[in-house]
Amino acid sequence: MNKNYILNIEGYSERMTDEARERLLQWRDRALQHANRHKELVYLNGPDVPKVALTFDDGPDDRITPMIAETLSRYGVKGSFFFIGSRARQYPEVVKAVYEAGHLVFGHSYDHDRLTTLDKDSLDRNFQQTQAVIRDIIGKEPAMFRPPFGDADEAVFQAARLAGCSTVLWSLDTLDWSQKEEAHIRRNVETFVRNGEIVLMHSHSGCIETAKALPQMIETLQRKRMRVVGLEELLDAPAYRS
C-alpha cells in the first residue's frame, strides 16, 4: 500500500458552533500529522483504489447495532465495528452475532475512556481488558483499535502496538454525532467520498438516523463503483492477531 497516499479529513455539520468547528479542525490537523509521522502504526485511509470501509463506533447495543449489521449483510458488504469493552460485556450475544455475520469486531477502549489522560499502567490495563472481552466472545483478539474521540498521542500508539494493534482513525466523518439527520449523514458520504476512504459512523442506541441512512448510502457507493469492504481488505492488514 502507498503510505504516501494520506487524505485530508472531510465531513461537515451545520449544527456546530464556530468554537466547536475550530476544535474539530485542530484535531484533524493533529490526526494528519500522526498519520504522516507513524505510517506503520496509524491509518487515516486506505490506498488509492475504489474501495471504502464503513466503520461504526460506540456500540454495541441491542437495537441499532443489529439493525446496521443486518443492513450491511443484506447488501452483501462488510462493516467494521469498534466496540466499547464494557458494552461488549453487556451485550455479548450482539457482538457474537455481528462477528458470525462476517463483519469485523475491534476495540474502542473499555469505557469510552479519554486514553491520553491515563498513565502507562492504566493505559495498558485498559487495552488488556478490552482485548480480553472481545477475545472471550469471538475467540479472536483484534489487531486493530480506535481511540474514543480519535484522541491519541505517542503513549497511546505505543500501548496499542504492545497490545498487537494498529490505530485506525478515519478520513471521512459523517458527523452523525453532531447533525443527526439521515439526509445529512448520507450527503457527507455522497459529497466527499474518495478512493480508500475510512468512513466514521456510530452504532449506539441513539443512532437511528445512521441506521436509516445506510441503505441509500451503500447504493450510492455502489453506483459510484466503490466497493464497500472490511478494514482488513482496505488496509491489507490482519484484522485479528495470529
C-alpha atoms as a PDB file:
ATOM      1  CA  MET A   1       0.000   0.000   0.000  1.00  0.00           C
ATOM      2  CA  ASN A   2       1.234   3.506  -0.854  1.00  0.00           C
ATOM      3  CA  LYS A   3       1.909   5.032   2.565  1.00  0.00           C
ATOM      4  CA  ASN A   4       2.183   8.482   0.968  1.00  0.00           C
ATOM      5  CA  TYR A   5      -1.485   8.481  -0.039  1.00  0.00           C
ATOM      6  CA  ILE A   6      -2.911  10.175   3.058  1.00  0.00           C
ATOM      7  CA  LEU A   7      -6.201  12.021   2.738  1.00  0.00           C
ATOM      8  CA  ASN A   8      -7.281  15.206   4.440  1.00  0.00           C
ATOM      9  CA  ILE A   9     -10.194  14.525   6.789  1.00  0.00           C
ATOM     10  CA  GLU A  10     -13.551  15.682   5.406  1.00  0.00           C
ATOM     11  CA  GLY A  11     -17.112  15.979   6.702  1.00  0.00           C
ATOM     12  CA  TYR A  12     -19.267  18.961   7.634  1.00  0.00           C
ATOM     13  CA  SER A  13     -22.037  19.752  10.122  1.00  0.00           C
ATOM     14  CA  GLU A  14     -24.304  22.788  10.155  1.00  0.00           C
ATOM     15  CA  ARG A  15     -25.029  22.214  13.849  1.00  0.00           C
ATOM     16  CA  MET A  16     -21.576  23.088  15.191  1.00  0.00           C
ATOM     17  CA  THR A  17     -20.638  26.354  16.843  1.00  0.00           C
ATOM     18  CA  ASP A  18     -17.644  28.228  15.487  1.00  0.00           C
ATOM     19  CA  GLU A  19     -15.692  27.200  18.582  1.00  0.00           C
ATOM     20  CA  ALA A  20     -16.563  23.520  18.149  1.00  0.00           C
ATOM     21  CA  ARG A  21     -15.677  23.646  14.459  1.00  0.00           C
ATOM     22  CA  GLU A  22     -12.314  25.183  15.258  1.00  0.00           C
ATOM     23  CA  ARG A  23     -11.570  22.403  17.773  1.00  0.00           C
ATOM     24  CA  LEU A  24     -12.544  19.839  15.155  1.00  0.00           C
ATOM     25  CA  LEU A  25     -10.245  21.375  12.557  1.00  0.00           C
ATOM     26  CA  GLN A  26      -7.375  21.433  15.057  1.00  0.00           C
ATOM     27  CA  TRP A  27      -7.940  17.745  15.807  1.00  0.00           C
ATOM     28  CA  ARG A  28      -7.942  16.964  12.079  1.00  0.00           C
ATOM     29  CA  ASP A  29      -4.592  18.704  11.679  1.00  0.00           C
ATOM     30  CA  ARG A  30      -3.130  16.662  14.566  1.00  0.00           C
ATOM     31  CA  ALA A  31      -4.527  13.415  13.171  1.00  0.00           C
ATOM     32  CA  LEU A  32      -2.955  14.130   9.792  1.00  0.00           C
ATOM     33  CA  GLN A  33       0.386  14.777  11.488  1.00  0.00           C
ATOM     34  CA  HIS A  34       0.107  11.492  13.393  1.00  0.00           C
ATOM     35  CA  ALA A  35      -0.649   9.569  10.201  1.00  0.00           C
ATOM     36  CA  ASN A  36       2.331  11.119   8.409  1.00  0.00           C
ATOM     37  CA  ARG A  37       4.661  10.546  11.358  1.00  0.00           C
ATOM     38  CA  HIS A  38       3.580   6.961  12.156  1.00  0.00           C
ATOM     39  CA  LYS A  39       2.862   5.386   8.774  1.00  0.00           C
ATOM     40  CA  GLU A  40       3.319   1.851  10.123  1.00  0.00           C
ATOM     41  CA  LEU A  41       1.102   2.339  13.181  1.00  0.00           C
ATOM     42  CA  VAL A  42      -1.655   4.841  12.326  1.00  0.00           C
ATOM     43  CA  TYR A  43      -4.175   4.769   9.472  1.00  0.00           C
ATOM     44  CA  LEU A  44      -6.460   7.538   8.265  1.00  0.00           C
ATOM     45  CA  ASN A  45      -7.388   5.844   4.993  1.00  0.00           C
ATOM     46  CA  GLY A  46      -6.559   3.022   2.625  1.00  0.00           C
ATOM     47  CA  PRO A  47      -4.898   3.073  -0.803  1.00  0.00           C
ATOM     48  CA  ASP A  48      -5.912   4.987  -3.915  1.00  0.00           C
ATOM     49  CA  VAL A  49      -8.300   2.329  -5.199  1.00  0.00           C
ATOM     50  CA  PRO A  50     -12.134   2.394  -5.434  1.00  0.00           C
ATOM     51  CA  LYS A  51     -12.725   0.757  -2.066  1.00  0.00           C
ATOM     52  CA  VAL A  52     -14.358   2.200   1.056  1.00  0.00           C
ATOM     53  CA  ALA A  53     -14.597   0.928   4.654  1.00  0.00           C
ATOM     54  CA  LEU A  54     -17.713   1.778   6.659  1.00  0.00           C
ATOM     55  CA  THR A  55     -16.831   1.867  10.360  1.00  0.00           C
ATOM     56  CA  PHE A  56     -19.088   2.142  13.397  1.00  0.00           C
ATOM     57  CA  ASP A  57     -18.038   3.285  16.886  1.00  0.00           C
ATOM     58  CA  ASP A  58     -19.519   3.157  20.395  1.00  0.00           C
ATOM     59  CA  GLY A  59     -21.667   0.011  20.225  1.00  0.00           C
ATOM     60  CA  PRO A  60     -22.864  -2.496  20.842  1.00  0.00           C
ATOM     61  CA  ASP A  61     -26.467  -2.091  21.887  1.00  0.00           C
ATOM     62  CA  ASP A  62     -29.399  -4.441  21.372  1.00  0.00           C
ATOM     63  CA  ARG A  63     -31.231  -2.378  18.717  1.00  0.00           C
ATOM     64  CA  ILE A  64     -29.180  -0.134  16.439  1.00  0.00           C
ATOM     65  CA  THR A  65     -26.093  -2.348  16.145  1.00  0.00           C
ATOM     66  CA  PRO A  66     -28.166  -5.352  14.961  1.00  0.00           C
ATOM     67  CA  MET A  67     -30.067  -3.109  12.511  1.00  0.00           C
ATOM     68  CA  ILE A  68     -26.838  -1.816  10.998  1.00  0.00           C
ATOM     69  CA  ALA A  69     -25.267  -5.270  10.788  1.00  0.00           C
ATOM     70  CA  GLU A  70     -28.411  -6.680   9.145  1.00  0.00           C
ATOM     71  CA  THR A  71     -28.431  -3.901   6.520  1.00  0.00           C
ATOM     72  CA  LEU A  72     -24.771  -4.473   5.698  1.00  0.00           C
ATOM     73  CA  SER A  73     -25.369  -8.206   5.336  1.00  0.00           C
ATOM     74  CA  ARG A  74     -28.459  -7.646   3.176  1.00  0.00           C
ATOM     75  CA  TYR A  75     -26.339  -5.657   0.726  1.00  0.00           C
ATOM     76  CA  GLY A  76     -23.549  -8.223   0.849  1.00  0.00           C
ATOM     77  CA  VAL A  77     -20.958  -5.819   2.260  1.00  0.00           C
ATOM     78  CA  LYS A  78     -18.736  -5.974   5.309  1.00  0.00           C
ATOM     79  CA  GLY A  79     -18.721  -3.452   8.162  1.00  0.00           C
ATOM     80  CA  SER A  80     -16.038  -2.750  10.757  1.00  0.00           C
ATOM     81  CA  PHE A  81     -17.280  -2.198  14.317  1.00  0.00           C
ATOM     82  CA  PHE A  82     -15.250  -0.615  17.123  1.00  0.00           C
ATOM     83  CA  PHE A  83     -16.964  -1.781  20.299  1.00  0.00           C
ATOM     84  CA  ILE A  84     -16.591  -0.414  23.819  1.00  0.00           C
ATOM     85  CA  GLY A  85     -15.370  -3.210  26.095  1.00  0.00           C
ATOM     86  CA  SER A  86     -17.892  -2.714  28.900  1.00  0.00           C
ATOM     87  CA  ARG A  87     -20.775  -2.618  26.412  1.00  0.00           C
ATOM     88  CA  ALA A  88     -19.464  -5.722  24.666  1.00  0.00           C
ATOM     89  CA  ARG A  89     -19.513  -7.441  28.054  1.00  0.00           C
ATOM     90  CA  GLN A  90     -23.126  -6.275  28.493  1.00  0.00           C
ATOM     91  CA  TYR A  91     -24.245  -7.473  25.027  1.00  0.00           C
ATOM     92  CA  PRO A  92     -22.026 -10.448  24.154  1.00  0.00           C
ATOM     93  CA  GLU A  93     -24.724 -12.055  22.019  1.00  0.00           C
ATOM     94  CA  VAL A  94     -24.827  -8.965  19.787  1.00  0.00           C
ATOM     95  CA  VAL A  95     -21.037  -8.942  19.400  1.00  0.00           C
ATOM     96  CA  LYS A  96     -21.035 -12.625  18.515  1.00  0.00           C
ATOM     97  CA  ALA A  97     -23.876 -12.218  16.009  1.00  0.00           C
ATOM     98  CA  VAL A  98     -22.096  -9.311  14.289  1.00  0.00           C
ATOM     99  CA  TYR A  99     -18.898 -11.334  14.036  1.00  0.00           C
ATOM    100  CA  GLU A 100     -20.645 -14.501  12.846  1.00  0.00           C
ATOM    101  CA  ALA A 101     -22.420 -12.463  10.149  1.00  0.00           C
ATOM    102  CA  GLY A 102     -18.972 -11.777   8.676  1.00  0.00           C
ATOM    103  CA  HIS A 103     -18.336  -8.280   9.985  1.00  0.00           C
ATOM    104  CA  LEU A 104     -15.207  -7.191  11.845  1.00  0.00           C
ATOM    105  CA  VAL A 105     -15.087  -6.557  15.586  1.00  0.00           C
ATOM    106  CA  PHE A 106     -12.455  -4.349  17.216  1.00  0.00           C
ATOM    107  CA  GLY A 107     -11.919  -2.468  20.479  1.00  0.00           C
ATOM    108  CA  HIS A 108     -12.749   1.145  21.332  1.00  0.00           C
ATOM    109  CA  SER A 109     -11.393   1.294  24.909  1.00  0.00           C
ATOM    110  CA  TYR A 110     -13.123  -0.254  27.903  1.00  0.00           C
ATOM    111  CA  ASP A 111     -15.443   2.583  28.996  1.00  0.00           C
ATOM    112  CA  HIS A 112     -15.089   5.125  26.168  1.00  0.00           C
ATOM    113  CA  ASP A 113     -12.116   6.491  28.061  1.00  0.00           C
ATOM    114  CA  ARG A 114     -10.065   9.512  27.007  1.00  0.00           C
ATOM    115  CA  LEU A 115      -6.891   7.481  26.746  1.00  0.00           C
ATOM    116  CA  THR A 116      -4.466  10.406  26.646  1.00  0.00           C
ATOM    117  CA  THR A 117      -5.349  11.178  30.277  1.00  0.00           C
ATOM    118  CA  LEU A 118      -4.277   7.737  31.569  1.00  0.00           C
ATOM    119  CA  ASP A 119      -0.878   6.825  32.979  1.00  0.00           C
ATOM    120  CA  LYS A 120       1.030   3.934  31.402  1.00  0.00           C
ATOM    121  CA  ASP A 121      -0.228   1.230  33.765  1.00  0.00           C
ATOM    122  CA  SER A 122      -3.849   2.329  33.392  1.00  0.00           C
ATOM    123  CA  LEU A 123      -3.472   2.570  29.630  1.00  0.00           C
ATOM    124  CA  ASP A 124      -2.002  -0.929  29.336  1.00  0.00           C
ATOM    125  CA  ARG A 125      -4.700  -2.303  31.619  1.00  0.00           C
ATOM    126  CA  ASN A 126      -7.386  -0.655  29.501  1.00  0.00           C
ATOM    127  CA  PHE A 127      -6.090  -2.378  26.382  1.00  0.00           C
ATOM    128  CA  GLN A 128      -5.793  -5.714  28.161  1.00  0.00           C
ATOM    129  CA  GLN A 129      -9.378  -5.542  29.454  1.00  0.00           C
ATOM    130  CA  THR A 130     -10.849  -4.543  26.122  1.00  0.00           C
ATOM    131  CA  GLN A 131      -8.892  -7.113  24.138  1.00  0.00           C
ATOM    132  CA  ALA A 132      -9.815  -9.856  26.616  1.00  0.00           C
ATOM    133  CA  VAL A 133     -13.546  -9.109  26.473  1.00  0.00           C
ATOM    134  CA  ILE A 134     -13.619  -9.395  22.687  1.00  0.00           C
ATOM    135  CA  ARG A 135     -11.395 -12.494  22.679  1.00  0.00           C
ATOM    136  CA  ASP A 136     -13.687 -14.204  25.176  1.00  0.00           C
ATOM    137  CA  ILE A 137     -16.718 -13.558  22.943  1.00  0.00           C
ATOM    138  CA  ILE A 138     -15.436 -14.272  19.423  1.00  0.00           C
ATOM    139  CA  GLY A 139     -12.347 -16.377  20.164  1.00  0.00           C
ATOM    140  CA  LYS A 140     -10.014 -13.926  18.445  1.00  0.00           C
ATOM    141  CA  GLU A 141      -8.072 -10.889  19.624  1.00  0.00           C
ATOM    142  CA  PRO A 142      -8.274  -7.742  17.474  1.00  0.00           C
ATOM    143  CA  ALA A 143      -5.247  -6.416  15.634  1.00  0.00           C
ATOM    144  CA  MET A 144      -6.852  -3.006  15.084  1.00  0.00           C
ATOM    145  CA  PHE A 145      -8.151  -0.415  17.543  1.00  0.00           C
ATOM    146  CA  ARG A 146      -9.686   3.054  17.550  1.00  0.00           C
ATOM    147  CA  PRO A 147      -9.325   5.571  20.410  1.00  0.00           C
ATOM    148  CA  PRO A 148     -12.502   7.304  21.614  1.00  0.00           C
ATOM    149  CA  PHE A 149     -12.811  10.846  20.219  1.00  0.00           C
ATOM    150  CA  GLY A 150      -9.833   9.970  17.997  1.00  0.00           C
ATOM    151  CA  ASP A 151      -7.803  11.258  20.935  1.00  0.00           C
ATOM    152  CA  ALA A 152      -4.353   9.688  20.797  1.00  0.00           C
ATOM    153  CA  ASP A 153      -0.701  10.516  21.319  1.00  0.00           C
ATOM    154  CA  GLU A 154       2.657   8.743  21.321  1.00  0.00           C
ATOM    155  CA  ALA A 155       1.847   6.838  24.510  1.00  0.00           C
ATOM    156  CA  VAL A 156      -1.468   5.588  23.086  1.00  0.00           C
ATOM    157  CA  PHE A 157       0.101   4.497  19.800  1.00  0.00           C
ATOM    158  CA  GLN A 158       2.813   2.580  21.631  1.00  0.00           C
ATOM    159  CA  ALA A 159       0.341   0.968  24.050  1.00  0.00           C
ATOM    160  CA  ALA A 160      -1.727  -0.127  21.062  1.00  0.00           C
ATOM    161  CA  ARG A 161       1.375  -1.560  19.394  1.00  0.00           C
ATOM    162  CA  LEU A 162       2.264  -3.518  22.543  1.00  0.00           C
ATOM    163  CA  ALA A 163      -1.295  -4.883  22.573  1.00  0.00           C
ATOM    164  CA  GLY A 164      -0.755  -6.056  18.991  1.00  0.00           C
ATOM    165  CA  CYS A 165      -2.933  -3.355  17.406  1.00  0.00           C
ATOM    166  CA  SER A 166      -2.553  -0.705  14.754  1.00  0.00           C
ATOM    167  CA  THR A 167      -4.508   2.513  15.371  1.00  0.00           C
ATOM    168  CA  VAL A 168      -7.278   3.206  12.847  1.00  0.00           C
ATOM    169  CA  LEU A 169      -8.706   6.729  12.678  1.00  0.00           C
ATOM    170  CA  TRP A 170     -10.811   7.965   9.723  1.00  0.00           C
ATOM    171  CA  SER A 171     -10.713  10.194   6.670  1.00  0.00           C
ATOM    172  CA  LEU A 172     -14.433  10.987   6.312  1.00  0.00           C
ATOM    173  CA  ASP A 173     -16.543  11.941   9.314  1.00  0.00           C
ATOM    174  CA  THR A 174     -20.291  11.741   8.678  1.00  0.00           C
ATOM    175  CA  LEU A 175     -20.725  13.825  11.843  1.00  0.00           C
ATOM    176  CA  ASP A 176     -23.719  11.656  12.715  1.00  0.00           C
ATOM    177  CA  TRP A 177     -22.946  12.624  16.317  1.00  0.00           C
ATOM    178  CA  SER A 178     -23.456  16.336  15.558  1.00  0.00           C
ATOM    179  CA  GLN A 179     -26.109  16.730  12.869  1.00  0.00           C
ATOM    180  CA  LYS A 180     -28.291  13.680  13.476  1.00  0.00           C
ATOM    181  CA  GLU A 181     -30.271  13.683  10.258  1.00  0.00           C
ATOM    182  CA  GLU A 182     -30.437  10.830   7.764  1.00  0.00           C
ATOM    183  CA  ALA A 183     -30.094  13.087   4.713  1.00  0.00           C
ATOM    184  CA  HIS A 184     -27.133  14.933   6.190  1.00  0.00           C
ATOM    185  CA  ILE A 185     -25.298  11.717   7.074  1.00  0.00           C
ATOM    186  CA  ARG A 186     -25.752  10.408   3.533  1.00  0.00           C
ATOM    187  CA  ARG A 187     -24.821  13.752   1.990  1.00  0.00           C
ATOM    188  CA  ASN A 188     -21.449  13.837   3.743  1.00  0.00           C
ATOM    189  CA  VAL A 189     -20.558  10.489   2.165  1.00  0.00           C
ATOM    190  CA  GLU A 190     -22.017  11.325  -1.248  1.00  0.00           C
ATOM    191  CA  THR A 191     -20.210  14.677  -1.355  1.00  0.00           C
ATOM    192  CA  PHE A 192     -16.788  13.800  -0.024  1.00  0.00           C
ATOM    193  CA  VAL A 193     -16.110  10.103  -0.702  1.00  0.00           C
ATOM    194  CA  ARG A 194     -12.738   9.334  -2.303  1.00  0.00           C
ATOM    195  CA  ASN A 195     -10.738   6.216  -3.058  1.00  0.00           C
ATOM    196  CA  GLY A 196      -9.603   4.424   0.086  1.00  0.00           C
ATOM    197  CA  GLU A 197     -11.988   6.257   2.398  1.00  0.00           C
ATOM    198  CA  ILE A 198     -12.464   5.172   6.014  1.00  0.00           C
ATOM    199  CA  VAL A 199     -15.912   6.467   6.970  1.00  0.00           C
ATOM    200  CA  LEU A 200     -16.778   7.199  10.601  1.00  0.00           C
ATOM    201  CA  MET A 201     -20.277   6.464  11.898  1.00  0.00           C
ATOM    202  CA  HIS A 202     -21.706   5.233  15.199  1.00  0.00           C
ATOM    203  CA  SER A 203     -23.862   2.300  16.257  1.00  0.00           C
ATOM    204  CA  HIS A 204     -25.060   3.046  19.799  1.00  0.00           C
ATOM    205  CA  SER A 205     -28.697   3.337  20.862  1.00  0.00           C
ATOM    206  CA  GLY A 206     -29.050   6.981  19.767  1.00  0.00           C
ATOM    207  CA  CYS A 207     -28.082   6.339  16.144  1.00  0.00           C
ATOM    208  CA  ILE A 208     -31.380   5.540  14.444  1.00  0.00           C
ATOM    209  CA  GLU A 209     -30.706   8.179  11.766  1.00  0.00           C
ATOM    210  CA  THR A 210     -27.407   6.478  10.934  1.00  0.00           C
ATOM    211  CA  ALA A 211     -29.182   3.145  10.546  1.00  0.00           C
ATOM    212  CA  LYS A 212     -31.814   4.787   8.316  1.00  0.00           C
ATOM    213  CA  ALA A 213     -29.142   6.445   6.146  1.00  0.00           C
ATOM    214  CA  LEU A 214     -27.209   3.259   5.482  1.00  0.00           C
ATOM    215  CA  PRO A 215     -29.204   1.604   2.646  1.00  0.00           C
ATOM    216  CA  GLN A 216     -29.156   4.595   0.302  1.00  0.00           C
ATOM    217  CA  MET A 217     -25.536   5.301   1.289  1.00  0.00           C
ATOM    218  CA  ILE A 218     -24.472   1.824   0.202  1.00  0.00           C
ATOM    219  CA  GLU A 219     -26.480   2.092  -3.014  1.00  0.00           C
ATOM    220  CA  THR A 220     -24.823   5.435  -3.803  1.00  0.00           C
ATOM    221  CA  LEU A 221     -21.366   3.989  -3.243  1.00  0.00           C
ATOM    222  CA  GLN A 222     -22.189   1.040  -5.463  1.00  0.00           C
ATOM    223  CA  ARG A 223     -23.426   3.370  -8.213  1.00  0.00           C
ATOM    224  CA  LYS A 224     -20.103   5.190  -7.930  1.00  0.00           C
ATOM    225  CA  ARG A 225     -18.455   1.753  -8.368  1.00  0.00           C
ATOM    226  CA  MET A 226     -16.935   1.949  -4.903  1.00  0.00           C
ATOM    227  CA  ARG A 227     -16.578  -1.450  -3.223  1.00  0.00           C
ATOM    228  CA  VAL A 228     -17.548  -1.476   0.466  1.00  0.00           C
ATOM    229  CA  VAL A 229     -15.015  -3.717   2.219  1.00  0.00           C
ATOM    230  CA  GLY A 230     -13.742  -4.507   5.691  1.00  0.00           C
ATOM    231  CA  LEU A 231     -10.701  -2.772   7.072  1.00  0.00           C
ATOM    232  CA  GLU A 232      -8.517  -5.845   6.680  1.00  0.00           C
ATOM    233  CA  GLU A 233      -9.044  -5.751   2.903  1.00  0.00           C
ATOM    234  CA  LEU A 234      -8.840  -1.975   2.586  1.00  0.00           C
ATOM    235  CA  LEU A 235      -5.609  -1.720   4.599  1.00  0.00           C
ATOM    236  CA  ASP A 236      -4.178  -5.102   3.532  1.00  0.00           C
ATOM    237  CA  ALA A 237      -3.582  -5.857   7.199  1.00  0.00           C
ATOM    238  CA  PRO A 238      -4.799  -8.646   9.512  1.00  0.00           C
ATOM    239  CA  ALA A 239      -7.961  -7.941  11.451  1.00  0.00           C
ATOM    240  CA  TYR A 240      -7.008 -10.321  14.285  1.00  0.00           C
ATOM    241  CA  ARG A 241      -3.822 -11.376  15.989  1.00  0.00           C
ATOM    242  CA  SER A 242      -2.449 -14.728  14.906  1.00  0.00           C
END
